[in-house]
């Protein structure tokens, strides 16, 4: 599991189980907050056979995350 901290939020690599495998995701939670994290699936349309593979893919995607907006939306590095 990879983790990044921003001004108001923390983001971690995550996995969402589904039919036929696992999806890579980024979970976002307010710093110091006690609420449930919000999951954002990344790499739409891709499923992975194992949770480990999905988490590795999410960790790679997390490296490109540059910020989390006040609404908890993800802001990505543009290439």
PDB file of N, CA and C in Angstrom:
ATOM      1  N   UNK A   1       0.844  -1.173   0.000  1.00  0.00           N
ATOM      2  CA  UNK A   1       0.000   0.000   0.000  1.00  0.00           C
ATOM      3  C   UNK A   1       0.892   1.241   0.000  1.00  0.00           C
ATOM      4  N   UNK A   2       0.627   2.123  -0.942  1.00  0.00           N
ATOM      5  CA  UNK A   2       1.357   3.387  -1.025  1.00  0.00           C
ATOM      6  C   UNK A   2       0.471   4.499  -0.470  1.00  0.00           C
ATOM      7  N   UNK A   3       1.110   5.552   0.033  1.00  0.00           N
ATOM      8  CA  UNK A   3       0.366   6.637   0.687  1.00  0.00           C
ATOM      9  C   UNK A   3       0.967   7.979   0.303  1.00  0.00           C
ATOM     10  N   UNK A   4       0.086   8.977   0.114  1.00  0.00           N
ATOM     11  CA  UNK A   4       0.505  10.355  -0.127  1.00  0.00           C
ATOM     12  C   UNK A   4      -0.347  11.256   0.744  1.00  0.00           C
ATOM     13  N   UNK A   5       0.277  12.290   1.289  1.00  0.00           N
ATOM     14  CA  UNK A   5      -0.450  13.230   2.140  1.00  0.00           C
ATOM     15  C   UNK A   5      -0.497  14.592   1.458  1.00  0.00           C
ATOM     16  N   UNK A   6      -1.672  15.208   1.497  1.00  0.00           N
ATOM     17  CA  UNK A   6      -1.881  16.532   0.929  1.00  0.00           C
ATOM     18  C   UNK A   6      -2.355  17.462   2.038  1.00  0.00           C
ATOM     19  N   UNK A   7      -2.656  18.720   1.704  1.00  0.00           N
ATOM     20  CA  UNK A   7      -3.002  19.726   2.715  1.00  0.00           C
ATOM     21  C   UNK A   7      -4.144  19.282   3.627  1.00  0.00           C
ATOM     22  N   UNK A   8      -5.214  18.738   3.047  1.00  0.00           N
ATOM     23  CA  UNK A   8      -6.388  18.378   3.844  1.00  0.00           C
ATOM     24  C   UNK A   8      -6.726  16.893   3.802  1.00  0.00           C
ATOM     25  N   UNK A   9      -6.069  16.155   2.918  1.00  0.00           N
ATOM     26  CA  UNK A   9      -6.435  14.759   2.698  1.00  0.00           C
ATOM     27  C   UNK A   9      -5.203  13.868   2.664  1.00  0.00           C
ATOM     28  N   UNK A  10      -5.447  12.580   2.859  1.00  0.00           N
ATOM     29  CA  UNK A  10      -4.440  11.572   2.565  1.00  0.00           C
ATOM     30  C   UNK A  10      -5.039  10.649   1.519  1.00  0.00           C
ATOM     31  N   UNK A  11      -4.186  10.141   0.652  1.00  0.00           N
ATOM     32  CA  UNK A  11      -4.616   9.230  -0.400  1.00  0.00           C
ATOM     33  C   UNK A  11      -3.752   7.982  -0.318  1.00  0.00           C
ATOM     34  N   UNK A  12      -4.381   6.829  -0.453  1.00  0.00           N
ATOM     35  CA  UNK A  12      -3.652   5.563  -0.401  1.00  0.00           C
ATOM     36  C   UNK A  12      -4.079   4.678  -1.561  1.00  0.00           C
ATOM     37  N   UNK A  13      -3.155   3.842  -2.013  1.00  0.00           N
ATOM     38  CA  UNK A  13      -3.506   2.862  -3.030  1.00  0.00           C
ATOM     39  C   UNK A  13      -4.474   1.870  -2.401  1.00  0.00           C
ATOM     40  N   UNK A  14      -5.414   1.400  -3.208  1.00  0.00           N
ATOM     41  CA  UNK A  14      -6.453   0.518  -2.682  1.00  0.00           C
ATOM     42  C   UNK A  14      -6.905  -0.450  -3.770  1.00  0.00           C
ATOM     43  N   UNK A  15      -7.747  -1.379  -3.363  1.00  0.00           N
ATOM     44  CA  UNK A  15      -8.273  -2.411  -4.250  1.00  0.00           C
ATOM     45  C   UNK A  15      -9.777  -2.502  -4.044  1.00  0.00           C
ATOM     46  N   UNK A  16     -10.512  -2.647  -5.156  1.00  0.00           N
ATOM     47  CA  UNK A  16     -11.957  -2.850  -5.086  1.00  0.00           C
ATOM     48  C   UNK A  16     -12.253  -4.205  -5.728  1.00  0.00           C
ATOM     49  N   UNK A  17     -12.764  -5.174  -4.954  1.00  0.00           N
ATOM     50  CA  UNK A  17     -13.090  -6.476  -5.538  1.00  0.00           C
ATOM     51  C   UNK A  17     -14.332  -6.375  -6.419  1.00  0.00           C
ATOM     52  N   UNK A  18     -14.352  -7.198  -7.450  1.00  0.00           N
ATOM     53  CA  UNK A  18     -15.506  -7.217  -8.342  1.00  0.00           C
ATOM     54  C   UNK A  18     -15.565  -8.535  -9.076  1.00  0.00           C
ATOM     55  N   UNK A  19     -16.535  -8.641  -9.965  1.00  0.00           N
ATOM     56  CA  UNK A  19     -16.663  -9.866 -10.743  1.00  0.00           C
ATOM     57  C   UNK A  19     -15.469  -9.998 -11.673  1.00  0.00           C
ATOM     58  N   UNK A  20     -14.844 -11.131 -11.649  1.00  0.00           N
ATOM     59  CA  UNK A  20     -13.739 -11.395 -12.552  1.00  0.00           C
ATOM     60  C   UNK A  20     -12.401 -10.843 -12.119  1.00  0.00           C
ATOM     61  N   UNK A  21     -12.310 -10.309 -10.917  1.00  0.00           N
ATOM     62  CA  UNK A  21     -11.012  -9.825 -10.459  1.00  0.00           C
ATOM     63  C   UNK A  21     -11.119  -8.604  -9.569  1.00  0.00           C
ATOM     64  N   UNK A  22     -10.070  -7.812  -9.593  1.00  0.00           N
ATOM     65  CA  UNK A  22      -9.951  -6.644  -8.721  1.00  0.00           C
ATOM     66  C   UNK A  22      -9.667  -5.402  -9.554  1.00  0.00           C
ATOM     67  N   UNK A  23     -10.163  -4.264  -9.083  1.00  0.00           N
ATOM     68  CA  UNK A  23      -9.880  -2.979  -9.714  1.00  0.00           C
ATOM     69  C   UNK A  23      -8.902  -2.202  -8.851  1.00  0.00           C
ATOM     70  N   UNK A  24      -8.022  -1.460  -9.510  1.00  0.00           N
ATOM     71  CA  UNK A  24      -7.108  -0.561  -8.804  1.00  0.00           C
ATOM     72  C   UNK A  24      -7.893   0.680  -8.401  1.00  0.00           C
ATOM     73  N   UNK A  25      -7.601   1.213  -7.222  1.00  0.00           N
ATOM     74  CA  UNK A  25      -8.323   2.386  -6.736  1.00  0.00           C
ATOM     75  C   UNK A  25      -7.412   3.250  -5.875  1.00  0.00           C
ATOM     76  N   UNK A  26      -7.861   4.478  -5.673  1.00  0.00           N
ATOM     77  CA  UNK A  26      -7.225   5.396  -4.737  1.00  0.00           C
ATOM     78  C   UNK A  26      -8.283   5.727  -3.689  1.00  0.00           C
ATOM     79  N   UNK A  27      -7.966   5.506  -2.431  1.00  0.00           N
ATOM     80  CA  UNK A  27      -8.878   5.830  -1.332  1.00  0.00           C
ATOM     81  C   UNK A  27      -8.450   7.168  -0.737  1.00  0.00           C
ATOM     82  N   UNK A  28      -9.428   8.068  -0.547  1.00  0.00           N
ATOM     83  CA  UNK A  28      -9.152   9.414  -0.041  1.00  0.00           C
ATOM     84  C   UNK A  28      -9.916   9.622   1.257  1.00  0.00           C
ATOM     85  N   UNK A  29      -9.221  10.176   2.234  1.00  0.00           N
ATOM     86  CA  UNK A  29      -9.828  10.442   3.542  1.00  0.00           C
ATOM     87  C   UNK A  29      -9.273  11.752   4.078  1.00  0.00           C
ATOM     88  N   UNK A  30     -10.121  12.520   4.761  1.00  0.00           N
ATOM     89  CA  UNK A  30      -9.667  13.773   5.363  1.00  0.00           C
ATOM     90  C   UNK A  30      -8.620  13.476   6.426  1.00  0.00           C
ATOM     91  N   UNK A  31      -7.584  14.299   6.472  1.00  0.00           N
ATOM     92  CA  UNK A  31      -6.558  14.138   7.502  1.00  0.00           C
ATOM     93  C   UNK A  31      -7.183  14.317   8.875  1.00  0.00           C
ATOM     94  N   UNK A  32      -6.937  13.387   9.745  1.00  0.00           N
ATOM     95  CA  UNK A  32      -7.484  13.458  11.091  1.00  0.00           C
ATOM     96  C   UNK A  32      -8.967  13.173  11.171  1.00  0.00           C
ATOM     97  N   UNK A  33      -9.587  12.854  10.042  1.00  0.00           N
ATOM     98  CA  UNK A  33     -11.021  12.573  10.018  1.00  0.00           C
ATOM     99  C   UNK A  33     -11.323  11.151  10.442  1.00  0.00           C
ATOM    100  N   UNK A  34     -12.528  10.957  10.929  1.00  0.00           N
ATOM    101  CA  UNK A  34     -12.913   9.624  11.385  1.00  0.00           C
ATOM    102  C   UNK A  34     -13.886   8.945  10.431  1.00  0.00           C
ATOM    103  N   UNK A  35     -14.273   9.628   9.362  1.00  0.00           N
ATOM    104  CA  UNK A  35     -15.229   9.060   8.421  1.00  0.00           C
ATOM    105  C   UNK A  35     -14.603   8.012   7.521  1.00  0.00           C
ATOM    106  N   UNK A  36     -15.455   7.349   6.772  1.00  0.00           N
ATOM    107  CA  UNK A  36     -15.005   6.319   5.839  1.00  0.00           C
ATOM    108  C   UNK A  36     -14.293   6.963   4.655  1.00  0.00           C
ATOM    109  N   UNK A  37     -13.304   6.287   4.104  1.00  0.00           N
ATOM    110  CA  UNK A  37     -12.627   6.829   2.922  1.00  0.00           C
ATOM    111  C   UNK A  37     -13.533   6.759   1.697  1.00  0.00           C
ATOM    112  N   UNK A  38     -13.242   7.604   0.735  1.00  0.00           N
ATOM    113  CA  UNK A  38     -13.956   7.598  -0.545  1.00  0.00           C
ATOM    114  C   UNK A  38     -13.039   6.921  -1.558  1.00  0.00           C
ATOM    115  N   UNK A  39     -13.567   5.918  -2.252  1.00  0.00           N
ATOM    116  CA  UNK A  39     -12.769   5.152  -3.201  1.00  0.00           C
ATOM    117  C   UNK A  39     -12.999   5.665  -4.618  1.00  0.00           C
ATOM    118  N   UNK A  40     -11.900   5.878  -5.330  1.00  0.00           N
ATOM    119  CA  UNK A  40     -11.931   6.293  -6.731  1.00  0.00           C
ATOM    120  C   UNK A  40     -11.260   5.190  -7.538  1.00  0.00           C
ATOM    121  N   UNK A  41     -12.026   4.499  -8.382  1.00  0.00           N
ATOM    122  CA  UNK A  41     -11.405   3.496  -9.247  1.00  0.00           C
ATOM    123  C   UNK A  41     -10.535   4.212 -10.269  1.00  0.00           C
ATOM    124  N   UNK A  42      -9.366   3.666 -10.497  1.00  0.00           N
ATOM    125  CA  UNK A  42      -8.457   4.196 -11.510  1.00  0.00           C
ATOM    126  C   UNK A  42      -8.202   3.099 -12.532  1.00  0.00           C
ATOM    127  N   UNK A  43      -7.701   3.465 -13.685  1.00  0.00           N
ATOM    128  CA  UNK A  43      -7.451   2.497 -14.759  1.00  0.00           C
ATOM    129  C   UNK A  43      -8.757   1.827 -15.181  1.00  0.00           C
ATOM    130  N   UNK A  44      -9.742   2.650 -15.529  1.00  0.00           N
ATOM    131  CA  UNK A  44     -11.065   2.159 -15.929  1.00  0.00           C
ATOM    132  C   UNK A  44     -10.966   1.055 -16.970  1.00  0.00           C
ATOM    133  N   UNK A  45     -11.764   0.047 -16.773  1.00  0.00           N
ATOM    134  CA  UNK A  45     -11.834  -1.057 -17.711  1.00  0.00           C
ATOM    135  C   UNK A  45     -10.799  -2.150 -17.481  1.00  0.00           C
ATOM    136  N   UNK A  46      -9.838  -1.909 -16.616  1.00  0.00           N
ATOM    137  CA  UNK A  46      -8.827  -2.927 -16.332  1.00  0.00           C
ATOM    138  C   UNK A  46      -9.175  -3.659 -15.051  1.00  0.00           C
ATOM    139  N   UNK A  47      -9.093  -4.978 -15.104  1.00  0.00           N
ATOM    140  CA  UNK A  47      -9.231  -5.776 -13.891  1.00  0.00           C
ATOM    141  C   UNK A  47      -7.968  -6.615 -13.740  1.00  0.00           C
ATOM    142  N   UNK A  48      -7.679  -6.963 -12.512  1.00  0.00           N
ATOM    143  CA  UNK A  48      -6.476  -7.711 -12.189  1.00  0.00           C
ATOM    144  C   UNK A  48      -6.869  -9.015 -11.512  1.00  0.00           C
ATOM    145  N   UNK A  49      -6.087 -10.051 -11.757  1.00  0.00           N
ATOM    146  CA  UNK A  49      -6.395 -11.365 -11.194  1.00  0.00           C
ATOM    147  C   UNK A  49      -6.208 -11.409  -9.688  1.00  0.00           C
ATOM    148  N   UNK A  50      -5.230 -10.657  -9.178  1.00  0.00           N
ATOM    149  CA  UNK A  50      -4.972 -10.687  -7.736  1.00  0.00           C
ATOM    150  C   UNK A  50      -5.084  -9.284  -7.144  1.00  0.00           C
ATOM    151  N   UNK A  51      -5.392  -9.237  -5.857  1.00  0.00           N
ATOM    152  CA  UNK A  51      -5.453  -7.956  -5.148  1.00  0.00           C
ATOM    153  C   UNK A  51      -4.074  -7.302  -5.137  1.00  0.00           C
ATOM    154  N   UNK A  52      -3.036  -8.100  -5.023  1.00  0.00           N
ATOM    155  CA  UNK A  52      -1.668  -7.571  -5.015  1.00  0.00           C
ATOM    156  C   UNK A  52      -1.362  -6.833  -6.315  1.00  0.00           C
ATOM    157  N   UNK A  53      -1.718  -7.425  -7.451  1.00  0.00           N
ATOM    158  CA  UNK A  53      -1.470  -6.781  -8.746  1.00  0.00           C
ATOM    159  C   UNK A  53      -2.256  -5.480  -8.867  1.00  0.00           C
ATOM    160  N   UNK A  54      -3.498  -5.487  -8.404  1.00  0.00           N
ATOM    161  CA  UNK A  54      -4.322  -4.274  -8.457  1.00  0.00           C
ATOM    162  C   UNK A  54      -3.738  -3.183  -7.569  1.00  0.00           C
ATOM    163  N   UNK A  55      -3.247  -3.560  -6.397  1.00  0.00           N
ATOM    164  CA  UNK A  55      -2.659  -2.571  -5.497  1.00  0.00           C
ATOM    165  C   UNK A  55      -1.373  -1.995  -6.081  1.00  0.00           C
ATOM    166  N   UNK A  56      -0.574  -2.816  -6.720  1.00  0.00           N
ATOM    167  CA  UNK A  56       0.652  -2.314  -7.357  1.00  0.00           C
ATOM    168  C   UNK A  56       0.315  -1.310  -8.453  1.00  0.00           C
ATOM    169  N   UNK A  57      -0.711  -1.606  -9.241  1.00  0.00           N
ATOM    170  CA  UNK A  57      -1.134  -0.682 -10.295  1.00  0.00           C
ATOM    171  C   UNK A  57      -1.646   0.623  -9.692  1.00  0.00           C
ATOM    172  N   UNK A  58      -2.398   0.527  -8.607  1.00  0.00           N
ATOM    173  CA  UNK A  58      -2.902   1.726  -7.933  1.00  0.00           C
ATOM    174  C   UNK A  58      -1.753   2.549  -7.362  1.00  0.00           C
ATOM    175  N   UNK A  59      -0.743   1.893  -6.825  1.00  0.00           N
ATOM    176  CA  UNK A  59       0.417   2.597  -6.272  1.00  0.00           C
ATOM    177  C   UNK A  59       1.166   3.355  -7.368  1.00  0.00           C
ATOM    178  N   UNK A  60       1.283   2.756  -8.543  1.00  0.00           N
ATOM    179  CA  UNK A  60       1.928   3.444  -9.665  1.00  0.00           C
ATOM    180  C   UNK A  60       1.117   4.660 -10.086  1.00  0.00           C
ATOM    181  N   UNK A  61      -0.191   4.512 -10.104  1.00  0.00           N
ATOM    182  CA  UNK A  61      -1.072   5.634 -10.476  1.00  0.00           C
ATOM    183  C   UNK A  61      -1.013   6.731  -9.413  1.00  0.00           C
ATOM    184  N   UNK A  62      -0.893   6.345  -8.151  1.00  0.00           N
ATOM    185  CA  UNK A  62      -0.814   7.308  -7.052  1.00  0.00           C
ATOM    186  C   UNK A  62       0.386   8.241  -7.211  1.00  0.00           C
ATOM    187  N   UNK A  63       1.460   7.741  -7.812  1.00  0.00           N
ATOM    188  CA  UNK A  63       2.642   8.569  -8.038  1.00  0.00           C
ATOM    189  C   UNK A  63       2.326   9.781  -8.907  1.00  0.00           C
ATOM    190  N   UNK A  64       1.301   9.685  -9.766  1.00  0.00           N
ATOM    191  CA  UNK A  64       0.926  10.777 -10.667  1.00  0.00           C
ATOM    192  C   UNK A  64      -0.094  11.731 -10.059  1.00  0.00           C
ATOM    193  N   UNK A  65      -0.566  11.421  -8.874  1.00  0.00           N
ATOM    194  CA  UNK A  65      -1.549  12.273  -8.199  1.00  0.00           C
ATOM    195  C   UNK A  65      -0.838  13.497  -7.635  1.00  0.00           C
ATOM    196  N   UNK A  66      -1.315  14.699  -8.015  1.00  0.00           N
ATOM    197  CA  UNK A  66      -0.647  15.915  -7.550  1.00  0.00           C
ATOM    198  C   UNK A  66      -1.430  16.644  -6.468  1.00  0.00           C
ATOM    199  N   UNK A  67      -2.737  16.358  -6.342  1.00  0.00           N
ATOM    200  CA  UNK A  67      -3.525  17.038  -5.314  1.00  0.00           C
ATOM    201  C   UNK A  67      -4.876  16.356  -5.180  1.00  0.00           C
ATOM    202  N   UNK A  68      -5.559  16.693  -4.093  1.00  0.00           N
ATOM    203  CA  UNK A  68      -6.945  16.293  -3.868  1.00  0.00           C
ATOM    204  C   UNK A  68      -7.705  17.587  -3.605  1.00  0.00           C
ATOM    205  N   UNK A  69      -8.783  17.829  -4.367  1.00  0.00           N
ATOM    206  CA  UNK A  69      -9.537  19.071  -4.232  1.00  0.00           C
ATOM    207  C   UNK A  69     -10.304  19.101  -2.916  1.00  0.00           C
ATOM    208  N   UNK A  70     -10.866  20.258  -2.591  1.00  0.00           N
ATOM    209  CA  UNK A  70     -11.662  20.407  -1.370  1.00  0.00           C
ATOM    210  C   UNK A  70     -12.835  19.437  -1.337  1.00  0.00           C
ATOM    211  N   UNK A  71     -13.319  19.043  -2.536  1.00  0.00           N
ATOM    212  CA  UNK A  71     -14.440  18.104  -2.643  1.00  0.00           C
ATOM    213  C   UNK A  71     -13.998  16.647  -2.622  1.00  0.00           C
ATOM    214  N   UNK A  72     -12.700  16.410  -2.483  1.00  0.00           N
ATOM    215  CA  UNK A  72     -12.193  15.045  -2.446  1.00  0.00           C
ATOM    216  C   UNK A  72     -11.959  14.429  -3.809  1.00  0.00           C
ATOM    217  N   UNK A  73     -11.956  15.265  -4.860  1.00  0.00           N
ATOM    218  CA  UNK A  73     -11.690  14.769  -6.209  1.00  0.00           C
ATOM    219  C   UNK A  73     -10.185  14.735  -6.454  1.00  0.00           C
ATOM    220  N   UNK A  74      -9.767  13.847  -7.338  1.00  0.00           N
ATOM    221  CA  UNK A  74      -8.346  13.657  -7.620  1.00  0.00           C
ATOM    222  C   UNK A  74      -7.872  14.589  -8.731  1.00  0.00           C
ATOM    223  N   UNK A  75      -6.696  15.180  -8.559  1.00  0.00           N
ATOM    224  CA  UNK A  75      -6.062  16.026  -9.577  1.00  0.00           C
ATOM    225  C   UNK A  75      -4.780  15.335 -10.027  1.00  0.00           C
ATOM    226  N   UNK A  76      -4.701  15.094 -11.324  1.00  0.00           N
ATOM    227  CA  UNK A  76      -3.594  14.312 -11.870  1.00  0.00           C
ATOM    228  C   UNK A  76      -2.557  15.175 -12.561  1.00  0.00           C
ATOM    229  N   UNK A  77      -1.331  14.691 -12.552  1.00  0.00           N
ATOM    230  CA  UNK A  77      -0.242  15.287 -13.320  1.00  0.00           C
ATOM    231  C   UNK A  77      -0.565  15.105 -14.792  1.00  0.00           C
ATOM    232  N   UNK A  78      -0.378  16.152 -15.572  1.00  0.00           N
ATOM    233  CA  UNK A  78      -0.608  16.028 -17.012  1.00  0.00           C
ATOM    234  C   UNK A  78       0.727  15.813 -17.700  1.00  0.00           C
ATOM    235  N   UNK A  79       0.691  14.996 -18.739  1.00  0.00           N
ATOM    236  CA  UNK A  79       1.940  14.689 -19.443  1.00  0.00           C
ATOM    237  C   UNK A  79       1.955  15.299 -20.808  1.00  0.00           C
TER     238      UNK A  79
END
